[in-house]
Amino acid sequence: MVIEKVLTITKYPLLAVHAHTGITMFAPEMYSYFRKMVSLDVESSFEKVICPVIAKEYKLFAINFSLEVWIPVNDLKGLEAAAGALKC
């Protein structure tokens, strides 16, 4: 598993892989960004609004998993397996 700091955000980037799936998790400290920057009255996405800001602040990271550790999360059993695999 490799953890990388995210420096820029590109919507729909060209990837050198056949498939890409992303899961975004935010620490509770990031909730203030949502409260300040995202309005429930205006349609927007956190990828466009929050991610570029926290990337510039060096607070956004990505983890790349190899196919050998891929766990499909389609139900509670898959979610529990993923949660167990992410525990350090």
PDB file of N, CA and C in Angstrom:
ATOM      1  N   MET A   1       0.855  -1.173   0.000  1.00  0.00           N
ATOM      2  CA  MET A   1       0.000   0.000   0.000  1.00  0.00           C
ATOM      3  C   MET A   1       0.895   1.229   0.000  1.00  0.00           C
ATOM      4  N   VAL A   2       0.591   2.173  -0.859  1.00  0.00           N
ATOM      5  CA  VAL A   2       1.360   3.406  -0.980  1.00  0.00           C
ATOM      6  C   VAL A   2       0.446   4.579  -0.654  1.00  0.00           C
ATOM      7  N   ILE A   3       0.887   5.445   0.240  1.00  0.00           N
ATOM      8  CA  ILE A   3       0.128   6.644   0.568  1.00  0.00           C
ATOM      9  C   ILE A   3       0.827   7.816  -0.096  1.00  0.00           C
ATOM     10  N   GLU A   4       0.070   8.594  -0.855  1.00  0.00           N
ATOM     11  CA  GLU A   4       0.638   9.722  -1.577  1.00  0.00           C
ATOM     12  C   GLU A   4      -0.117  10.992  -1.236  1.00  0.00           C
ATOM     13  N   LYS A   5       0.619  12.098  -1.164  1.00  0.00           N
ATOM     14  CA  LYS A   5       0.004  13.402  -0.944  1.00  0.00           C
ATOM     15  C   LYS A   5      -0.577  13.885  -2.266  1.00  0.00           C
ATOM     16  N   VAL A   6      -1.808  14.336  -2.248  1.00  0.00           N
ATOM     17  CA  VAL A   6      -2.462  14.853  -3.452  1.00  0.00           C
ATOM     18  C   VAL A   6      -2.162  16.343  -3.536  1.00  0.00           C
ATOM     19  N   LEU A   7      -1.657  16.785  -4.705  1.00  0.00           N
ATOM     20  CA  LEU A   7      -1.295  18.188  -4.877  1.00  0.00           C
ATOM     21  C   LEU A   7      -2.250  18.937  -5.787  1.00  0.00           C
ATOM     22  N   THR A   8      -2.892  18.242  -6.730  1.00  0.00           N
ATOM     23  CA  THR A   8      -3.838  18.893  -7.625  1.00  0.00           C
ATOM     24  C   THR A   8      -5.013  17.963  -7.868  1.00  0.00           C
ATOM     25  N   ILE A   9      -6.115  18.527  -8.320  1.00  0.00           N
ATOM     26  CA  ILE A   9      -7.327  17.778  -8.606  1.00  0.00           C
ATOM     27  C   ILE A   9      -7.658  17.956 -10.080  1.00  0.00           C
ATOM     28  N   THR A  10      -7.951  16.837 -10.769  1.00  0.00           N
ATOM     29  CA  THR A  10      -8.385  16.883 -12.159  1.00  0.00           C
ATOM     30  C   THR A  10      -9.629  16.028 -12.282  1.00  0.00           C
ATOM     31  N   LYS A  11     -10.712  16.634 -12.741  1.00  0.00           N
ATOM     32  CA  LYS A  11     -11.937  15.869 -12.914  1.00  0.00           C
ATOM     33  C   LYS A  11     -11.818  15.017 -14.164  1.00  0.00           C
ATOM     34  N   TYR A  12     -12.165  13.761 -14.064  1.00  0.00           N
ATOM     35  CA  TYR A  12     -12.097  12.797 -15.151  1.00  0.00           C
ATOM     36  C   TYR A  12     -10.719  12.740 -15.800  1.00  0.00           C
ATOM     37  N   PRO A  13      -9.674  12.464 -15.012  1.00  0.00           N
ATOM     38  CA  PRO A  13      -8.332  12.401 -15.605  1.00  0.00           C
ATOM     39  C   PRO A  13      -8.162  11.150 -16.469  1.00  0.00           C
ATOM     40  N   LEU A  14      -7.244  11.229 -17.417  1.00  0.00           N
ATOM     41  CA  LEU A  14      -6.896  10.044 -18.192  1.00  0.00           C
ATOM     42  C   LEU A  14      -6.040   9.159 -17.301  1.00  0.00           C
ATOM     43  N   LEU A  15      -6.391   7.898 -17.214  1.00  0.00           N
ATOM     44  CA  LEU A  15      -5.679   6.971 -16.328  1.00  0.00           C
ATOM     45  C   LEU A  15      -5.008   5.880 -17.135  1.00  0.00           C
ATOM     46  N   ALA A  16      -3.887   5.424 -16.638  1.00  0.00           N
ATOM     47  CA  ALA A  16      -3.153   4.358 -17.307  1.00  0.00           C
ATOM     48  C   ALA A  16      -3.592   2.981 -16.816  1.00  0.00           C
ATOM     49  N   VAL A  17      -4.813   2.884 -16.329  1.00  0.00           N
ATOM     50  CA  VAL A  17      -5.371   1.610 -15.881  1.00  0.00           C
ATOM     51  C   VAL A  17      -6.722   1.433 -16.546  1.00  0.00           C
ATOM     52  N   HIS A  18      -7.213   0.206 -16.563  1.00  0.00           N
ATOM     53  CA  HIS A  18      -8.480  -0.071 -17.231  1.00  0.00           C
ATOM     54  C   HIS A  18      -9.702   0.336 -16.421  1.00  0.00           C
ATOM     55  N   ALA A  19      -9.549   0.392 -15.112  1.00  0.00           N
ATOM     56  CA  ALA A  19     -10.684   0.764 -14.264  1.00  0.00           C
ATOM     57  C   ALA A  19     -10.178   1.580 -13.088  1.00  0.00           C
ATOM     58  N   HIS A  20     -11.012   2.463 -12.604  1.00  0.00           N
ATOM     59  CA  HIS A  20     -10.653   3.299 -11.462  1.00  0.00           C
ATOM     60  C   HIS A  20     -11.880   3.458 -10.582  1.00  0.00           C
ATOM     61  N   THR A  21     -11.707   3.235  -9.306  1.00  0.00           N
ATOM     62  CA  THR A  21     -12.775   3.435  -8.345  1.00  0.00           C
ATOM     63  C   THR A  21     -12.214   4.216  -7.178  1.00  0.00           C
ATOM     64  N   GLY A  22     -12.937   5.164  -6.709  1.00  0.00           N
ATOM     65  CA  GLY A  22     -12.448   5.954  -5.590  1.00  0.00           C
ATOM     66  C   GLY A  22     -13.430   5.994  -4.452  1.00  0.00           C
ATOM     67  N   ILE A  23     -12.890   5.988  -3.267  1.00  0.00           N
ATOM     68  CA  ILE A  23     -13.670   6.140  -2.050  1.00  0.00           C
ATOM     69  C   ILE A  23     -13.051   7.309  -1.309  1.00  0.00           C
ATOM     70  N   THR A  24     -13.855   8.250  -0.905  1.00  0.00           N
ATOM     71  CA  THR A  24     -13.341   9.414  -0.206  1.00  0.00           C
ATOM     72  C   THR A  24     -13.776   9.360   1.245  1.00  0.00           C
ATOM     73  N   MET A  25     -12.815   9.507   2.132  1.00  0.00           N
ATOM     74  CA  MET A  25     -13.107   9.545   3.562  1.00  0.00           C
ATOM     75  C   MET A  25     -12.507  10.829   4.113  1.00  0.00           C
ATOM     76  N   PHE A  26     -13.257  11.521   4.963  1.00  0.00           N
ATOM     77  CA  PHE A  26     -12.788  12.750   5.566  1.00  0.00           C
ATOM     78  C   PHE A  26     -12.701  12.581   7.069  1.00  0.00           C
ATOM     79  N   ALA A  27     -11.628  13.103   7.651  1.00  0.00           N
ATOM     80  CA  ALA A  27     -11.489  13.137   9.101  1.00  0.00           C
ATOM     81  C   ALA A  27     -12.458  14.177   9.653  1.00  0.00           C
ATOM     82  N   PRO A  28     -12.878  14.023  10.886  1.00  0.00           N
ATOM     83  CA  PRO A  28     -13.817  14.993  11.468  1.00  0.00           C
ATOM     84  C   PRO A  28     -13.330  16.445  11.380  1.00  0.00           C
ATOM     85  N   GLU A  29     -12.017  16.670  11.367  1.00  0.00           N
ATOM     86  CA  GLU A  29     -11.490  18.032  11.266  1.00  0.00           C
ATOM     87  C   GLU A  29     -11.881  18.695   9.943  1.00  0.00           C
ATOM     88  N   MET A  30     -12.207  17.909   8.936  1.00  0.00           N
ATOM     89  CA  MET A  30     -12.550  18.442   7.620  1.00  0.00           C
ATOM     90  C   MET A  30     -14.008  18.899   7.531  1.00  0.00           C
ATOM     91  N   TYR A  31     -14.820  18.541   8.512  1.00  0.00           N
ATOM     92  CA  TYR A  31     -16.237  18.898   8.464  1.00  0.00           C
ATOM     93  C   TYR A  31     -16.435  20.411   8.410  1.00  0.00           C
ATOM     94  N   SER A  32     -15.530  21.162   9.017  1.00  0.00           N
ATOM     95  CA  SER A  32     -15.668  22.623   9.000  1.00  0.00           C
ATOM     96  C   SER A  32     -15.571  23.167   7.569  1.00  0.00           C
ATOM     97  N   TYR A  33     -14.806  22.502   6.698  1.00  0.00           N
ATOM     98  CA  TYR A  33     -14.728  22.926   5.299  1.00  0.00           C
ATOM     99  C   TYR A  33     -16.094  22.788   4.629  1.00  0.00           C
ATOM    100  N   PHE A  34     -16.789  21.699   4.927  1.00  0.00           N
ATOM    101  CA  PHE A  34     -18.129  21.502   4.356  1.00  0.00           C
ATOM    102  C   PHE A  34     -19.078  22.592   4.841  1.00  0.00           C
ATOM    103  N   ARG A  35     -19.025  22.882   6.147  1.00  0.00           N
ATOM    104  CA  ARG A  35     -19.924  23.893   6.690  1.00  0.00           C
ATOM    105  C   ARG A  35     -19.658  25.274   6.075  1.00  0.00           C
ATOM    106  N   LYS A  36     -18.387  25.590   5.843  1.00  0.00           N
ATOM    107  CA  LYS A  36     -18.024  26.910   5.319  1.00  0.00           C
ATOM    108  C   LYS A  36     -18.196  27.016   3.804  1.00  0.00           C
ATOM    109  N   MET A  37     -17.982  25.931   3.071  1.00  0.00           N
ATOM    110  CA  MET A  37     -17.819  26.040   1.630  1.00  0.00           C
ATOM    111  C   MET A  37     -18.930  25.423   0.790  1.00  0.00           C
ATOM    112  N   VAL A  38     -19.763  24.573   1.380  1.00  0.00           N
ATOM    113  CA  VAL A  38     -20.781  23.868   0.599  1.00  0.00           C
ATOM    114  C   VAL A  38     -22.163  24.295   1.082  1.00  0.00           C
ATOM    115  N   SER A  39     -22.983  24.734   0.162  1.00  0.00           N
ATOM    116  CA  SER A  39     -24.341  25.140   0.488  1.00  0.00           C
ATOM    117  C   SER A  39     -25.305  24.036   0.068  1.00  0.00           C
ATOM    118  N   LEU A  40     -26.265  23.753   0.912  1.00  0.00           N
ATOM    119  CA  LEU A  40     -27.282  22.771   0.554  1.00  0.00           C
ATOM    120  C   LEU A  40     -28.305  23.356  -0.415  1.00  0.00           C
ATOM    121  N   ASP A  41     -28.260  24.687  -0.599  1.00  0.00           N
ATOM    122  CA  ASP A  41     -29.181  25.366  -1.505  1.00  0.00           C
ATOM    123  C   ASP A  41     -28.687  25.386  -2.951  1.00  0.00           C
ATOM    124  N   VAL A  42     -27.383  25.186  -3.138  1.00  0.00           N
ATOM    125  CA  VAL A  42     -26.783  25.247  -4.472  1.00  0.00           C
ATOM    126  C   VAL A  42     -26.126  23.909  -4.761  1.00  0.00           C
ATOM    127  N   GLU A  43     -26.434  23.331  -5.919  1.00  0.00           N
ATOM    128  CA  GLU A  43     -25.850  22.046  -6.274  1.00  0.00           C
ATOM    129  C   GLU A  43     -24.355  22.216  -6.546  1.00  0.00           C
ATOM    130  N   SER A  44     -23.543  21.408  -5.898  1.00  0.00           N
ATOM    131  CA  SER A  44     -22.099  21.415  -6.115  1.00  0.00           C
ATOM    132  C   SER A  44     -21.546  20.084  -5.639  1.00  0.00           C
ATOM    133  N   SER A  45     -20.300  19.846  -5.935  1.00  0.00           N
ATOM    134  CA  SER A  45     -19.681  18.615  -5.467  1.00  0.00           C
ATOM    135  C   SER A  45     -18.451  18.962  -4.643  1.00  0.00           C
ATOM    136  N   PHE A  46     -18.178  18.166  -3.628  1.00  0.00           N
ATOM    137  CA  PHE A  46     -17.024  18.439  -2.785  1.00  0.00           C
ATOM    138  C   PHE A  46     -15.724  18.314  -3.582  1.00  0.00           C
ATOM    139  N   GLU A  47     -15.739  17.489  -4.668  1.00  0.00           N
ATOM    140  CA  GLU A  47     -14.537  17.352  -5.479  1.00  0.00           C
ATOM    141  C   GLU A  47     -14.149  18.685  -6.109  1.00  0.00           C
ATOM    142  N   LYS A  48     -15.139  19.468  -6.511  1.00  0.00           N
ATOM    143  CA  LYS A  48     -14.865  20.756  -7.148  1.00  0.00           C
ATOM    144  C   LYS A  48     -14.604  21.860  -6.128  1.00  0.00           C
ATOM    145  N   VAL A  49     -15.234  21.769  -4.973  1.00  0.00           N
ATOM    146  CA  VAL A  49     -15.203  22.875  -4.017  1.00  0.00           C
ATOM    147  C   VAL A  49     -14.142  22.679  -2.935  1.00  0.00           C
ATOM    148  N   ILE A  50     -14.169  21.549  -2.270  1.00  0.00           N
ATOM    149  CA  ILE A  50     -13.317  21.345  -1.104  1.00  0.00           C
ATOM    150  C   ILE A  50     -11.962  20.719  -1.451  1.00  0.00           C
ATOM    151  N   CYS A  51     -11.958  19.714  -2.310  1.00  0.00           N
ATOM    152  CA  CYS A  51     -10.713  18.993  -2.591  1.00  0.00           C
ATOM    153  C   CYS A  51      -9.587  19.876  -3.116  1.00  0.00           C
ATOM    154  N   PRO A  52      -9.842  20.811  -4.041  1.00  0.00           N
ATOM    155  CA  PRO A  52      -8.732  21.677  -4.477  1.00  0.00           C
ATOM    156  C   PRO A  52      -8.144  22.512  -3.334  1.00  0.00           C
ATOM    157  N   VAL A  53      -8.988  22.953  -2.415  1.00  0.00           N
ATOM    158  CA  VAL A  53      -8.516  23.770  -1.293  1.00  0.00           C
ATOM    159  C   VAL A  53      -7.661  22.942  -0.351  1.00  0.00           C
ATOM    160  N   ILE A  54      -8.149  21.772   0.046  1.00  0.00           N
ATOM    161  CA  ILE A  54      -7.367  20.981   0.996  1.00  0.00           C
ATOM    162  C   ILE A  54      -6.128  20.368   0.343  1.00  0.00           C
ATOM    163  N   ALA A  55      -6.137  20.195  -0.976  1.00  0.00           N
ATOM    164  CA  ALA A  55      -4.922  19.746  -1.675  1.00  0.00           C
ATOM    165  C   ALA A  55      -3.849  20.834  -1.592  1.00  0.00           C
ATOM    166  N   LYS A  56      -4.246  22.092  -1.815  1.00  0.00           N
ATOM    167  CA  LYS A  56      -3.285  23.205  -1.720  1.00  0.00           C
ATOM    168  C   LYS A  56      -2.746  23.360  -0.300  1.00  0.00           C
ATOM    169  N   GLU A  57      -3.535  22.960   0.678  1.00  0.00           N
ATOM    170  CA  GLU A  57      -3.109  23.034   2.084  1.00  0.00           C
ATOM    171  C   GLU A  57      -2.365  21.765   2.516  1.00  0.00           C
ATOM    172  N   TYR A  58      -2.096  20.865   1.573  1.00  0.00           N
ATOM    173  CA  TYR A  58      -1.385  19.598   1.844  1.00  0.00           C
ATOM    174  C   TYR A  58      -2.111  18.734   2.873  1.00  0.00           C
ATOM    175  N   LYS A  59      -3.443  18.716   2.791  1.00  0.00           N
ATOM    176  CA  LYS A  59      -4.263  17.928   3.714  1.00  0.00           C
ATOM    177  C   LYS A  59      -5.039  16.827   2.998  1.00  0.00           C
ATOM    178  N   LEU A  60      -4.724  16.572   1.732  1.00  0.00           N
ATOM    179  CA  LEU A  60      -5.440  15.559   0.958  1.00  0.00           C
ATOM    180  C   LEU A  60      -4.449  14.483   0.535  1.00  0.00           C
ATOM    181  N   PHE A  61      -4.802  13.226   0.793  1.00  0.00           N
ATOM    182  CA  PHE A  61      -3.917  12.109   0.492  1.00  0.00           C
ATOM    183  C   PHE A  61      -4.675  11.040  -0.282  1.00  0.00           C
ATOM    184  N   ALA A  62      -3.926  10.228  -1.004  1.00  0.00           N
ATOM    185  CA  ALA A  62      -4.505   9.109  -1.753  1.00  0.00           C
ATOM    186  C   ALA A  62      -3.755   7.843  -1.381  1.00  0.00           C
ATOM    187  N   ILE A  63      -4.478   6.752  -1.347  1.00  0.00           N
ATOM    188  CA  ILE A  63      -3.868   5.449  -1.098  1.00  0.00           C
ATOM    189  C   ILE A  63      -4.178   4.570  -2.302  1.00  0.00           C
ATOM    190  N   ASN A  64      -3.146   4.011  -2.881  1.00  0.00           N
ATOM    191  CA  ASN A  64      -3.314   3.095  -4.005  1.00  0.00           C
ATOM    192  C   ASN A  64      -3.206   1.666  -3.497  1.00  0.00           C
ATOM    193  N   PHE A  65      -4.222   0.874  -3.791  1.00  0.00           N
ATOM    194  CA  PHE A  65      -4.226  -0.527  -3.396  1.00  0.00           C
ATOM    195  C   PHE A  65      -3.964  -1.385  -4.626  1.00  0.00           C
ATOM    196  N   SER A  66      -3.198  -2.443  -4.444  1.00  0.00           N
ATOM    197  CA  SER A  66      -2.974  -3.374  -5.548  1.00  0.00           C
ATOM    198  C   SER A  66      -4.206  -4.253  -5.719  1.00  0.00           C
ATOM    199  N   LEU A  67      -4.315  -4.867  -6.878  1.00  0.00           N
ATOM    200  CA  LEU A  67      -5.479  -5.722  -7.145  1.00  0.00           C
ATOM    201  C   LEU A  67      -5.571  -6.901  -6.186  1.00  0.00           C
ATOM    202  N   GLU A  68      -4.449  -7.309  -5.623  1.00  0.00           N
ATOM    203  CA  GLU A  68      -4.467  -8.453  -4.699  1.00  0.00           C
ATOM    204  C   GLU A  68      -5.234  -8.157  -3.414  1.00  0.00           C
ATOM    205  N   VAL A  69      -5.389  -6.887  -3.083  1.00  0.00           N
ATOM    206  CA  VAL A  69      -6.094  -6.535  -1.847  1.00  0.00           C
ATOM    207  C   VAL A  69      -7.453  -5.892  -2.124  1.00  0.00           C
ATOM    208  N   TRP A  70      -7.898  -5.951  -3.368  1.00  0.00           N
ATOM    209  CA  TRP A  70      -9.178  -5.359  -3.744  1.00  0.00           C
ATOM    210  C   TRP A  70     -10.320  -6.065  -3.030  1.00  0.00           C
ATOM    211  N   ILE A  71     -11.183  -5.319  -2.391  1.00  0.00           N
ATOM    212  CA  ILE A  71     -12.347  -5.874  -1.700  1.00  0.00           C
ATOM    213  C   ILE A  71     -13.588  -5.150  -2.228  1.00  0.00           C
ATOM    214  N   PRO A  72     -14.459  -5.846  -2.946  1.00  0.00           N
ATOM    215  CA  PRO A  72     -15.677  -5.191  -3.408  1.00  0.00           C
ATOM    216  C   PRO A  72     -16.604  -4.907  -2.221  1.00  0.00           C
ATOM    217  N   VAL A  73     -17.088  -3.687  -2.135  1.00  0.00           N
ATOM    218  CA  VAL A  73     -17.980  -3.301  -1.034  1.00  0.00           C
ATOM    219  C   VAL A  73     -19.365  -3.086  -1.626  1.00  0.00           C
ATOM    220  N   ASN A  74     -20.106  -4.176  -1.690  1.00  0.00           N
ATOM    221  CA  ASN A  74     -21.462  -4.132  -2.240  1.00  0.00           C
ATOM    222  C   ASN A  74     -22.527  -4.402  -1.186  1.00  0.00           C
ATOM    223  N   ASP A  75     -22.082  -4.767   0.009  1.00  0.00           N
ATOM    224  CA  ASP A  75     -23.015  -5.094   1.080  1.00  0.00           C
ATOM    225  C   ASP A  75     -22.300  -4.933   2.413  1.00  0.00           C
ATOM    226  N   LEU A  76     -22.998  -5.211   3.501  1.00  0.00           N
ATOM    227  CA  LEU A  76     -22.426  -5.048   4.840  1.00  0.00           C
ATOM    228  C   LEU A  76     -21.211  -5.958   5.037  1.00  0.00           C
ATOM    229  N   LYS A  77     -21.249  -7.173   4.517  1.00  0.00           N
ATOM    230  CA  LYS A  77     -20.128  -8.101   4.657  1.00  0.00           C
ATOM    231  C   LYS A  77     -18.870  -7.524   3.988  1.00  0.00           C
ATOM    232  N   GLY A  78     -19.018  -6.953   2.798  1.00  0.00           N
ATOM    233  CA  GLY A  78     -17.886  -6.341   2.110  1.00  0.00           C
ATOM    234  C   GLY A  78     -17.364  -5.120   2.859  1.00  0.00           C
ATOM    235  N   LEU A  79     -18.272  -4.323   3.420  1.00  0.00           N
ATOM    236  CA  LEU A  79     -17.873  -3.154   4.198  1.00  0.00           C
ATOM    237  C   LEU A  79     -17.092  -3.570   5.438  1.00  0.00           C
ATOM    238  N   GLU A  80     -17.551  -4.600   6.115  1.00  0.00           N
ATOM    239  CA  GLU A  80     -16.845  -5.087   7.303  1.00  0.00           C
ATOM    240  C   GLU A  80     -15.471  -5.631   6.933  1.00  0.00           C
ATOM    241  N   ALA A  81     -15.354  -6.322   5.808  1.00  0.00           N
ATOM    242  CA  ALA A  81     -14.065  -6.850   5.353  1.00  0.00           C
ATOM    243  C   ALA A  81     -13.113  -5.703   5.031  1.00  0.00           C
ATOM    244  N   ALA A  82     -13.601  -4.662   4.366  1.00  0.00           N
ATOM    245  CA  ALA A  82     -12.766  -3.500   4.045  1.00  0.00           C
ATOM    246  C   ALA A  82     -12.327  -2.773   5.296  1.00  0.00           C
ATOM    247  N   ALA A  83     -13.235  -2.590   6.244  1.00  0.00           N
ATOM    248  CA  ALA A  83     -12.896  -1.916   7.487  1.00  0.00           C
ATOM    249  C   ALA A  83     -11.820  -2.696   8.245  1.00  0.00           C
ATOM    250  N   GLY A  84     -11.949  -4.004   8.264  1.00  0.00           N
ATOM    251  CA  GLY A  84     -10.947  -4.836   8.929  1.00  0.00           C
ATOM    252  C   GLY A  84      -9.596  -4.749   8.231  1.00  0.00           C
ATOM    253  N   ALA A  85      -9.588  -4.699   6.918  1.00  0.00           N
ATOM    254  CA  ALA A  85      -8.332  -4.616   6.162  1.00  0.00           C
ATOM    255  C   ALA A  85      -7.645  -3.276   6.351  1.00  0.00           C
ATOM    256  N   LEU A  86      -8.394  -2.218   6.615  1.00  0.00           N
ATOM    257  CA  LEU A  86      -7.806  -0.888   6.778  1.00  0.00           C
ATOM    258  C   LEU A  86      -7.294  -0.617   8.180  1.00  0.00           C
ATOM    259  N   LYS A  87      -7.652  -1.467   9.136  1.00  0.00           N
ATOM    260  CA  LYS A  87      -7.162  -1.261  10.506  1.00  0.00           C
ATOM    261  C   LYS A  87      -5.667  -1.487  10.547  1.00  0.00           C
ATOM    262  N   CYS A  88      -4.980  -0.591  11.233  1.00  0.00           N
ATOM    263  CA  CYS A  88      -3.509  -0.701  11.343  1.00  0.00           C
ATOM    264  C   CYS A  88      -3.137  -1.323  12.672  1.00  0.00           C
TER     265      CYS A  88
END
